[in-house]
Amino acid sequence: MIEAAAGVLDVDGAGRHVKPNHGGPSHAGTCRENAMSELPMGEHSAGDLADGAQASSVQPGGERLVEPPADGQQRAAAGQSTARALRALVIGYGSPIRGDDALGPLVADRLEALFASDTALAEGVEVQARHILTAELVDDLARAERVIFIDAAADLVPGEIRCRRLAPDTATLSTMAHFHDPRELLAWCEALYKRAPETWLVSAGGAEWGYANYSLSAIAKRAVEPMIAEIRRLIGPLR
């Protein structure tokens, strides 16, 4: 749980919010510029969720996905059985060249470095940094008990953090095969594998969206450590 020093959590059914501390760094510390610049480049994703994205009350829309033939389901199940099961999958996505939109992949890179130094903490956890969310991620979602997406948001006060539960939603189906909404990926996972993992989206409000290479605004940098704390809370301890 993020301490009051970093903000106030508001559980109102629309998600957990951490109000930004505009007066200075959070209790977890300010993300130093040189530390951010030294983060390794990963594969990253663009953009925020579409306007009006819903929280935990979101239910699948009336539209239904067409289910694959039985042999396709069998192949999908066989592929899932040979892959390593995960207790948690963390996916940070955003554009690395659009200012604060790089927040998702940068937080994912920080988490990956953290887990690399603590094998006990990392057990059963996989972290990915992506530019965009593609359909191939559905196979990874099917392996996980819990999935945590990380993204920057344009609809939040800069520096504010929001944590909300996601549900499969066919109403978010995209006509663009190269980019998908997280809830759309969950809908495909449910259709193909007859299950969808418990899923959360941890977002932070961005302030600057101009062209930059892995460069965050000062307020977005202060959101990094509280986001990491919230993600670690969601991953939880080993059972």
C-alpha atoms as a PDB file:
ATOM      1  CA  MET A   1       0.000   0.000   0.000  1.00  0.00           C
ATOM      2  CA  ILE A   2       1.364   3.377  -0.955  1.00  0.00           C
ATOM      3  CA  GLU A   3       1.786   5.563   2.136  1.00  0.00           C
ATOM      4  CA  ALA A   4      -0.039   8.842   2.654  1.00  0.00           C
ATOM      5  CA  ALA A   5       3.229  10.652   2.009  1.00  0.00           C
ATOM      6  CA  ALA A   6       2.932   9.648  -1.637  1.00  0.00           C
ATOM      7  CA  GLY A   7      -0.762  10.485  -1.930  1.00  0.00           C
ATOM      8  CA  VAL A   8      -4.253   9.496  -0.891  1.00  0.00           C
ATOM      9  CA  LEU A   9      -5.869   6.307  -2.081  1.00  0.00           C
ATOM     10  CA  ASP A  10      -9.534   6.658  -2.984  1.00  0.00           C
ATOM     11  CA  VAL A  11     -11.481   3.432  -3.382  1.00  0.00           C
ATOM     12  CA  ASP A  12     -14.703   4.541  -5.014  1.00  0.00           C
ATOM     13  CA  GLY A  13     -15.472   1.696  -7.387  1.00  0.00           C
ATOM     14  CA  ALA A  14     -13.827   3.490 -10.283  1.00  0.00           C
ATOM     15  CA  GLY A  15     -10.350   2.528  -9.225  1.00  0.00           C
ATOM     16  CA  ARG A  16      -7.664   3.315  -6.680  1.00  0.00           C
ATOM     17  CA  HIS A  17      -6.170   6.797  -7.015  1.00  0.00           C
ATOM     18  CA  VAL A  18      -2.947   8.238  -5.677  1.00  0.00           C
ATOM     19  CA  LYS A  19      -3.073  12.022  -5.640  1.00  0.00           C
ATOM     20  CA  PRO A  20       0.126  13.652  -6.904  1.00  0.00           C
ATOM     21  CA  ASN A  21       2.510  15.255  -4.461  1.00  0.00           C
ATOM     22  CA  HIS A  22       3.200  18.458  -6.365  1.00  0.00           C
ATOM     23  CA  GLY A  23       5.270  19.843  -3.525  1.00  0.00           C
ATOM     24  CA  GLY A  24       8.148  17.449  -3.983  1.00  0.00           C
ATOM     25  CA  PRO A  25       9.245  13.819  -4.401  1.00  0.00           C
ATOM     26  CA  SER A  26       7.199  10.927  -3.114  1.00  0.00           C
ATOM     27  CA  HIS A  27       8.210   8.972  -0.019  1.00  0.00           C
ATOM     28  CA  ALA A  28       9.800   6.394  -2.296  1.00  0.00           C
ATOM     29  CA  GLY A  29      12.136   8.979  -3.742  1.00  0.00           C
ATOM     30  CA  THR A  30      12.527  10.891  -6.962  1.00  0.00           C
ATOM     31  CA  CYS A  31      13.517   8.961 -10.066  1.00  0.00           C
ATOM     32  CA  ARG A  32      16.884  10.450 -10.963  1.00  0.00           C
ATOM     33  CA  GLU A  33      17.362  11.591 -14.530  1.00  0.00           C
ATOM     34  CA  ASN A  34      20.587   9.689 -14.994  1.00  0.00           C
ATOM     35  CA  ALA A  35      18.932   6.491 -13.761  1.00  0.00           C
ATOM     36  CA  MET A  36      16.143   6.900 -16.298  1.00  0.00           C
ATOM     37  CA  SER A  37      18.575   7.552 -19.149  1.00  0.00           C
ATOM     38  CA  GLU A  38      20.515   4.399 -18.355  1.00  0.00           C
ATOM     39  CA  LEU A  39      17.494   2.129 -18.608  1.00  0.00           C
ATOM     40  CA  PRO A  40      17.799  -0.412 -21.431  1.00  0.00           C
ATOM     41  CA  MET A  41      15.640  -0.003 -24.475  1.00  0.00           C
ATOM     42  CA  GLY A  42      12.824  -2.494 -24.685  1.00  0.00           C
ATOM     43  CA  GLU A  43       9.915  -3.094 -26.977  1.00  0.00           C
ATOM     44  CA  HIS A  44       7.211  -0.586 -26.172  1.00  0.00           C
ATOM     45  CA  SER A  45       3.531   0.455 -26.881  1.00  0.00           C
ATOM     46  CA  ALA A  46       1.661   3.563 -27.873  1.00  0.00           C
ATOM     47  CA  GLY A  47      -1.036   5.458 -26.266  1.00  0.00           C
ATOM     48  CA  ASP A  48      -3.626   5.571 -23.605  1.00  0.00           C
ATOM     49  CA  LEU A  49      -6.831   3.631 -23.385  1.00  0.00           C
ATOM     50  CA  ALA A  50      -9.637   5.096 -25.456  1.00  0.00           C
ATOM     51  CA  ASP A  51     -11.631   7.887 -23.817  1.00  0.00           C
ATOM     52  CA  GLY A  52     -14.294   6.620 -21.460  1.00  0.00           C
ATOM     53  CA  ALA A  53     -12.474   3.410 -20.497  1.00  0.00           C
ATOM     54  CA  GLN A  54     -14.382   1.734 -17.707  1.00  0.00           C
ATOM     55  CA  ALA A  55     -13.206   0.292 -14.420  1.00  0.00           C
ATOM     56  CA  SER A  56     -14.044  -2.882 -12.558  1.00  0.00           C
ATOM     57  CA  SER A  57     -17.762  -2.576 -13.342  1.00  0.00           C
ATOM     58  CA  VAL A  58     -17.059  -3.056 -17.029  1.00  0.00           C
ATOM     59  CA  GLN A  59     -18.884  -6.088 -18.368  1.00  0.00           C
ATOM     60  CA  PRO A  60     -18.412  -7.717 -21.773  1.00  0.00           C
ATOM     61  CA  GLY A  61     -20.576  -6.025 -24.431  1.00  0.00           C
ATOM     62  CA  GLY A  62     -23.438  -7.648 -26.268  1.00  0.00           C
ATOM     63  CA  GLU A  63     -21.252  -8.415 -29.265  1.00  0.00           C
ATOM     64  CA  ARG A  64     -19.703 -11.870 -29.209  1.00  0.00           C
ATOM     65  CA  LEU A  65     -16.452 -13.089 -30.649  1.00  0.00           C
ATOM     66  CA  VAL A  66     -16.587 -15.887 -33.157  1.00  0.00           C
ATOM     67  CA  GLU A  67     -15.066 -18.926 -31.517  1.00  0.00           C
ATOM     68  CA  PRO A  68     -12.376 -20.854 -33.387  1.00  0.00           C
ATOM     69  CA  PRO A  69     -12.973 -24.403 -34.609  1.00  0.00           C
ATOM     70  CA  ALA A  70     -12.443 -27.185 -32.096  1.00  0.00           C
ATOM     71  CA  ASP A  71      -9.091 -28.154 -33.582  1.00  0.00           C
ATOM     72  CA  GLY A  72      -7.900 -24.560 -33.157  1.00  0.00           C
ATOM     73  CA  GLN A  73      -8.930 -24.634 -29.509  1.00  0.00           C
ATOM     74  CA  GLN A  74      -7.042 -27.895 -29.030  1.00  0.00           C
ATOM     75  CA  ARG A  75      -3.907 -26.410 -30.565  1.00  0.00           C
ATOM     76  CA  ALA A  76      -4.218 -23.348 -28.333  1.00  0.00           C
ATOM     77  CA  ALA A  77      -4.661 -25.517 -25.242  1.00  0.00           C
ATOM     78  CA  ALA A  78      -1.672 -27.660 -26.212  1.00  0.00           C
ATOM     79  CA  GLY A  79       0.505 -24.575 -26.635  1.00  0.00           C
ATOM     80  CA  GLN A  80      -0.602 -23.248 -23.269  1.00  0.00           C
ATOM     81  CA  SER A  81       0.213 -26.512 -21.493  1.00  0.00           C
ATOM     82  CA  THR A  82       3.825 -26.465 -22.697  1.00  0.00           C
ATOM     83  CA  ALA A  83       4.440 -22.835 -21.664  1.00  0.00           C
ATOM     84  CA  ARG A  84       5.535 -21.826 -18.179  1.00  0.00           C
ATOM     85  CA  ALA A  85       2.627 -20.854 -15.944  1.00  0.00           C
ATOM     86  CA  LEU A  86       2.920 -17.466 -14.254  1.00  0.00           C
ATOM     87  CA  ARG A  87       1.550 -16.133 -10.995  1.00  0.00           C
ATOM     88  CA  ALA A  88       1.848 -12.625 -12.439  1.00  0.00           C
ATOM     89  CA  LEU A  89       2.541 -11.023 -15.804  1.00  0.00           C
ATOM     90  CA  VAL A  90       3.467  -7.318 -15.894  1.00  0.00           C
ATOM     91  CA  ILE A  91       3.248  -5.444 -19.206  1.00  0.00           C
ATOM     92  CA  GLY A  92       4.378  -1.826 -19.482  1.00  0.00           C
ATOM     93  CA  TYR A  93       3.429  -0.182 -22.766  1.00  0.00           C
ATOM     94  CA  GLY A  94       3.803   3.246 -24.361  1.00  0.00           C
ATOM     95  CA  SER A  95       5.717   5.116 -27.009  1.00  0.00           C
ATOM     96  CA  PRO A  96       9.381   5.691 -26.118  1.00  0.00           C
ATOM     97  CA  ILE A  97       9.542   8.830 -28.274  1.00  0.00           C
ATOM     98  CA  ARG A  98       6.472  10.699 -26.983  1.00  0.00           C
ATOM     99  CA  GLY A  99       7.571  12.180 -23.678  1.00  0.00           C
ATOM    100  CA  ASP A 100       5.632  10.860 -20.690  1.00  0.00           C
ATOM    101  CA  ASP A 101       4.064   8.104 -22.809  1.00  0.00           C
ATOM    102  CA  ALA A 102       7.339   6.237 -22.179  1.00  0.00           C
ATOM    103  CA  LEU A 103       6.320   5.848 -18.526  1.00  0.00           C
ATOM    104  CA  GLY A 104       4.881   2.326 -18.964  1.00  0.00           C
ATOM    105  CA  PRO A 105       7.945   0.711 -20.538  1.00  0.00           C
ATOM    106  CA  LEU A 106      10.342   2.603 -18.258  1.00  0.00           C
ATOM    107  CA  VAL A 107       8.542   1.347 -15.143  1.00  0.00           C
ATOM    108  CA  ALA A 108       8.596  -2.164 -16.640  1.00  0.00           C
ATOM    109  CA  ASP A 109      12.361  -1.879 -17.183  1.00  0.00           C
ATOM    110  CA  ARG A 110      12.837  -0.767 -13.578  1.00  0.00           C
ATOM    111  CA  LEU A 111      10.771  -3.707 -12.325  1.00  0.00           C
ATOM    112  CA  GLU A 112      12.725  -6.138 -14.487  1.00  0.00           C
ATOM    113  CA  ALA A 113      15.985  -4.875 -12.979  1.00  0.00           C
ATOM    114  CA  LEU A 114      14.492  -5.157  -9.493  1.00  0.00           C
ATOM    115  CA  PHE A 115      13.371  -8.737 -10.031  1.00  0.00           C
ATOM    116  CA  ALA A 116      16.713  -9.681 -11.592  1.00  0.00           C
ATOM    117  CA  SER A 117      18.391  -8.821  -8.279  1.00  0.00           C
ATOM    118  CA  ASP A 118      15.850 -10.718  -6.151  1.00  0.00           C
ATOM    119  CA  THR A 119      15.109 -14.212  -7.450  1.00  0.00           C
ATOM    120  CA  ALA A 120      12.644 -14.956  -4.646  1.00  0.00           C
ATOM    121  CA  LEU A 121      10.591 -11.869  -5.488  1.00  0.00           C
ATOM    122  CA  ALA A 122      10.731 -12.702  -9.185  1.00  0.00           C
ATOM    123  CA  GLU A 123       9.565 -16.311  -8.860  1.00  0.00           C
ATOM    124  CA  GLY A 124       6.633 -16.896 -11.199  1.00  0.00           C
ATOM    125  CA  VAL A 125       6.656 -13.283 -12.430  1.00  0.00           C
ATOM    126  CA  GLU A 126       7.355 -12.140 -15.988  1.00  0.00           C
ATOM    127  CA  VAL A 127       7.849  -8.500 -17.010  1.00  0.00           C
ATOM    128  CA  GLN A 128       7.505  -7.190 -20.549  1.00  0.00           C
ATOM    129  CA  ALA A 129       8.122  -3.703 -21.965  1.00  0.00           C
ATOM    130  CA  ARG A 130       6.284  -3.065 -25.215  1.00  0.00           C
ATOM    131  CA  HIS A 131       5.737  -0.312 -27.723  1.00  0.00           C
ATOM    132  CA  ILE A 132       2.245  -1.531 -28.620  1.00  0.00           C
ATOM    133  CA  LEU A 133      -0.160  -4.266 -27.509  1.00  0.00           C
ATOM    134  CA  THR A 134      -0.459  -6.950 -30.172  1.00  0.00           C
ATOM    135  CA  ALA A 135      -2.670 -10.018 -30.537  1.00  0.00           C
ATOM    136  CA  GLU A 136       0.251 -12.347 -29.793  1.00  0.00           C
ATOM    137  CA  LEU A 137       0.031 -11.280 -26.140  1.00  0.00           C
ATOM    138  CA  VAL A 138      -3.143 -13.353 -25.732  1.00  0.00           C
ATOM    139  CA  ASP A 139      -1.038 -16.512 -25.336  1.00  0.00           C
ATOM    140  CA  ASP A 140       0.925 -14.834 -22.538  1.00  0.00           C
ATOM    141  CA  LEU A 141      -2.260 -13.676 -20.793  1.00  0.00           C
ATOM    142  CA  ALA A 142      -3.559 -17.240 -20.817  1.00  0.00           C
ATOM    143  CA  ARG A 143      -0.505 -18.426 -18.851  1.00  0.00           C
ATOM    144  CA  ALA A 144      -0.950 -15.954 -16.007  1.00  0.00           C
ATOM    145  CA  GLU A 145      -3.074 -15.969 -12.875  1.00  0.00           C
ATOM    146  CA  ARG A 146      -2.852 -12.164 -12.678  1.00  0.00           C
ATOM    147  CA  VAL A 147      -1.904  -9.531 -15.268  1.00  0.00           C
ATOM    148  CA  ILE A 148      -0.890  -5.935 -14.558  1.00  0.00           C
ATOM    149  CA  PHE A 149      -0.738  -3.424 -17.416  1.00  0.00           C
ATOM    150  CA  ILE A 150       1.223  -0.177 -16.919  1.00  0.00           C
ATOM    151  CA  ASP A 151       0.551   2.942 -18.960  1.00  0.00           C
ATOM    152  CA  ALA A 152       0.640   6.736 -18.963  1.00  0.00           C
ATOM    153  CA  ALA A 153      -2.739   8.481 -19.080  1.00  0.00           C
ATOM    154  CA  ALA A 154      -3.788  11.787 -20.595  1.00  0.00           C
ATOM    155  CA  ASP A 155      -7.080  11.835 -18.657  1.00  0.00           C
ATOM    156  CA  LEU A 156      -5.457  12.021 -15.198  1.00  0.00           C
ATOM    157  CA  VAL A 157      -3.971  14.970 -13.346  1.00  0.00           C
ATOM    158  CA  PRO A 158      -0.208  14.889 -14.035  1.00  0.00           C
ATOM    159  CA  GLY A 159       1.448  12.667 -11.465  1.00  0.00           C
ATOM    160  CA  GLU A 160      -1.795  11.142 -10.206  1.00  0.00           C
ATOM    161  CA  ILE A 161      -1.841   7.332 -10.128  1.00  0.00           C
ATOM    162  CA  ARG A 162      -4.892   5.211 -10.810  1.00  0.00           C
ATOM    163  CA  CYS A 163      -5.244   1.469 -10.278  1.00  0.00           C
ATOM    164  CA  ARG A 164      -8.355  -0.191 -11.658  1.00  0.00           C
ATOM    165  CA  ARG A 165      -9.632  -3.658 -12.415  1.00  0.00           C
ATOM    166  CA  LEU A 166     -10.190  -4.593 -16.058  1.00  0.00           C
ATOM    167  CA  ALA A 167     -12.686  -7.062 -17.483  1.00  0.00           C
ATOM    168  CA  PRO A 168     -12.937  -8.636 -20.951  1.00  0.00           C
ATOM    169  CA  ASP A 169     -14.918  -6.321 -23.222  1.00  0.00           C
ATOM    170  CA  THR A 170     -15.765  -7.113 -26.844  1.00  0.00           C
ATOM    171  CA  ALA A 171     -17.009  -3.547 -27.311  1.00  0.00           C
ATOM    172  CA  THR A 172     -13.365  -2.436 -27.431  1.00  0.00           C
ATOM    173  CA  LEU A 173     -12.537  -4.586 -30.475  1.00  0.00           C
ATOM    174  CA  SER A 174     -10.063  -2.758 -32.664  1.00  0.00           C
ATOM    175  CA  THR A 175     -10.032  -2.554 -36.442  1.00  0.00           C
ATOM    176  CA  MET A 176      -6.253  -2.154 -36.279  1.00  0.00           C
ATOM    177  CA  ALA A 177      -4.537  -5.530 -36.102  1.00  0.00           C
ATOM    178  CA  HIS A 178      -1.291  -4.013 -34.789  1.00  0.00           C
ATOM    179  CA  PHE A 179      -2.718  -2.268 -31.716  1.00  0.00           C
ATOM    180  CA  HIS A 180      -5.239  -3.488 -29.145  1.00  0.00           C
ATOM    181  CA  ASP A 181      -6.934  -2.303 -25.969  1.00  0.00           C
ATOM    182  CA  PRO A 182      -6.051  -4.480 -22.927  1.00  0.00           C
ATOM    183  CA  ARG A 183      -9.746  -5.371 -22.457  1.00  0.00           C
ATOM    184  CA  GLU A 184      -9.923  -6.539 -26.064  1.00  0.00           C
ATOM    185  CA  LEU A 185      -6.967  -8.867 -25.465  1.00  0.00           C
ATOM    186  CA  LEU A 186      -8.797 -10.233 -22.406  1.00  0.00           C
ATOM    187  CA  ALA A 187     -11.890 -10.875 -24.529  1.00  0.00           C
ATOM    188  CA  TRP A 188      -9.827 -12.847 -27.025  1.00  0.00           C
ATOM    189  CA  CYS A 189      -8.174 -14.773 -24.189  1.00  0.00           C
ATOM    190  CA  GLU A 190     -11.580 -15.689 -22.792  1.00  0.00           C
ATOM    191  CA  ALA A 191     -12.834 -16.779 -26.216  1.00  0.00           C
ATOM    192  CA  LEU A 192      -9.772 -18.859 -27.081  1.00  0.00           C
ATOM    193  CA  TYR A 193      -8.869 -20.325 -23.686  1.00  0.00           C
ATOM    194  CA  LYS A 194     -12.233 -20.182 -21.872  1.00  0.00           C
ATOM    195  CA  ARG A 195     -10.658 -18.103 -19.110  1.00  0.00           C
ATOM    196  CA  ALA A 196      -9.261 -14.640 -18.487  1.00  0.00           C
ATOM    197  CA  PRO A 197      -6.760 -13.752 -15.759  1.00  0.00           C
ATOM    198  CA  GLU A 198      -7.439 -11.250 -12.994  1.00  0.00           C
ATOM    199  CA  THR A 199      -6.249  -8.045 -14.608  1.00  0.00           C
ATOM    200  CA  TRP A 200      -5.364  -4.549 -13.413  1.00  0.00           C
ATOM    201  CA  LEU A 201      -4.284  -1.351 -15.127  1.00  0.00           C
ATOM    202  CA  VAL A 202      -1.901   0.942 -13.236  1.00  0.00           C
ATOM    203  CA  SER A 203      -1.754   4.372 -14.888  1.00  0.00           C
ATOM    204  CA  ALA A 204      -0.136   7.699 -14.075  1.00  0.00           C
ATOM    205  CA  GLY A 205      -1.058  11.086 -15.466  1.00  0.00           C
ATOM    206  CA  GLY A 206       1.475  12.561 -17.857  1.00  0.00           C
ATOM    207  CA  ALA A 207       2.296  16.228 -18.430  1.00  0.00           C
ATOM    208  CA  GLU A 208       4.404  16.316 -21.593  1.00  0.00           C
ATOM    209  CA  TRP A 209       3.717  14.370 -24.794  1.00  0.00           C
ATOM    210  CA  GLY A 210       6.097  15.985 -27.270  1.00  0.00           C
ATOM    211  CA  TYR A 211       8.819  14.125 -29.126  1.00  0.00           C
ATOM    212  CA  ALA A 212      11.546  12.875 -26.793  1.00  0.00           C
ATOM    213  CA  ASN A 213      13.608   9.732 -26.387  1.00  0.00           C
ATOM    214  CA  TYR A 214      12.835   8.039 -23.058  1.00  0.00           C
ATOM    215  CA  SER A 215      12.599  11.447 -21.414  1.00  0.00           C
ATOM    216  CA  LEU A 216       9.971  12.022 -18.704  1.00  0.00           C
ATOM    217  CA  SER A 217       8.723  15.250 -17.193  1.00  0.00           C
ATOM    218  CA  ALA A 218       9.644  15.916 -13.557  1.00  0.00           C
ATOM    219  CA  ILE A 219       6.118  15.121 -12.331  1.00  0.00           C
ATOM    220  CA  ALA A 220       6.024  11.820 -14.260  1.00  0.00           C
ATOM    221  CA  LYS A 221       9.379  10.816 -12.779  1.00  0.00           C
ATOM    222  CA  ARG A 222       7.975  11.300  -9.283  1.00  0.00           C
ATOM    223  CA  ALA A 223       5.213   8.819 -10.121  1.00  0.00           C
ATOM    224  CA  VAL A 224       7.645   5.990 -10.929  1.00  0.00           C
ATOM    225  CA  GLU A 225       8.378   4.744  -7.407  1.00  0.00           C
ATOM    226  CA  PRO A 226       4.738   4.887  -6.196  1.00  0.00           C
ATOM    227  CA  MET A 227       3.709   2.970  -9.329  1.00  0.00           C
ATOM    228  CA  ILE A 228       6.309   0.304  -8.567  1.00  0.00           C
ATOM    229  CA  ALA A 229       5.022   0.049  -4.994  1.00  0.00           C
ATOM    230  CA  GLU A 230       1.447  -0.369  -6.207  1.00  0.00           C
ATOM    231  CA  ILE A 231       2.446  -3.026  -8.742  1.00  0.00           C
ATOM    232  CA  ARG A 232       4.358  -4.964  -6.096  1.00  0.00           C
ATOM    233  CA  ARG A 233       1.273  -4.832  -3.876  1.00  0.00           C
ATOM    234  CA  LEU A 234      -0.840  -6.244  -6.702  1.00  0.00           C
ATOM    235  CA  ILE A 235       1.646  -9.033  -7.439  1.00  0.00           C
ATOM    236  CA  GLY A 236       1.546 -10.004  -3.764  1.00  0.00           C
ATOM    237  CA  PRO A 237       3.766 -12.430  -1.865  1.00  0.00           C
ATOM    238  CA  LEU A 238       4.323 -16.029  -2.811  1.00  0.00           C
ATOM    239  CA  ARG A 239       1.617 -18.310  -1.459  1.00  0.00           C
END
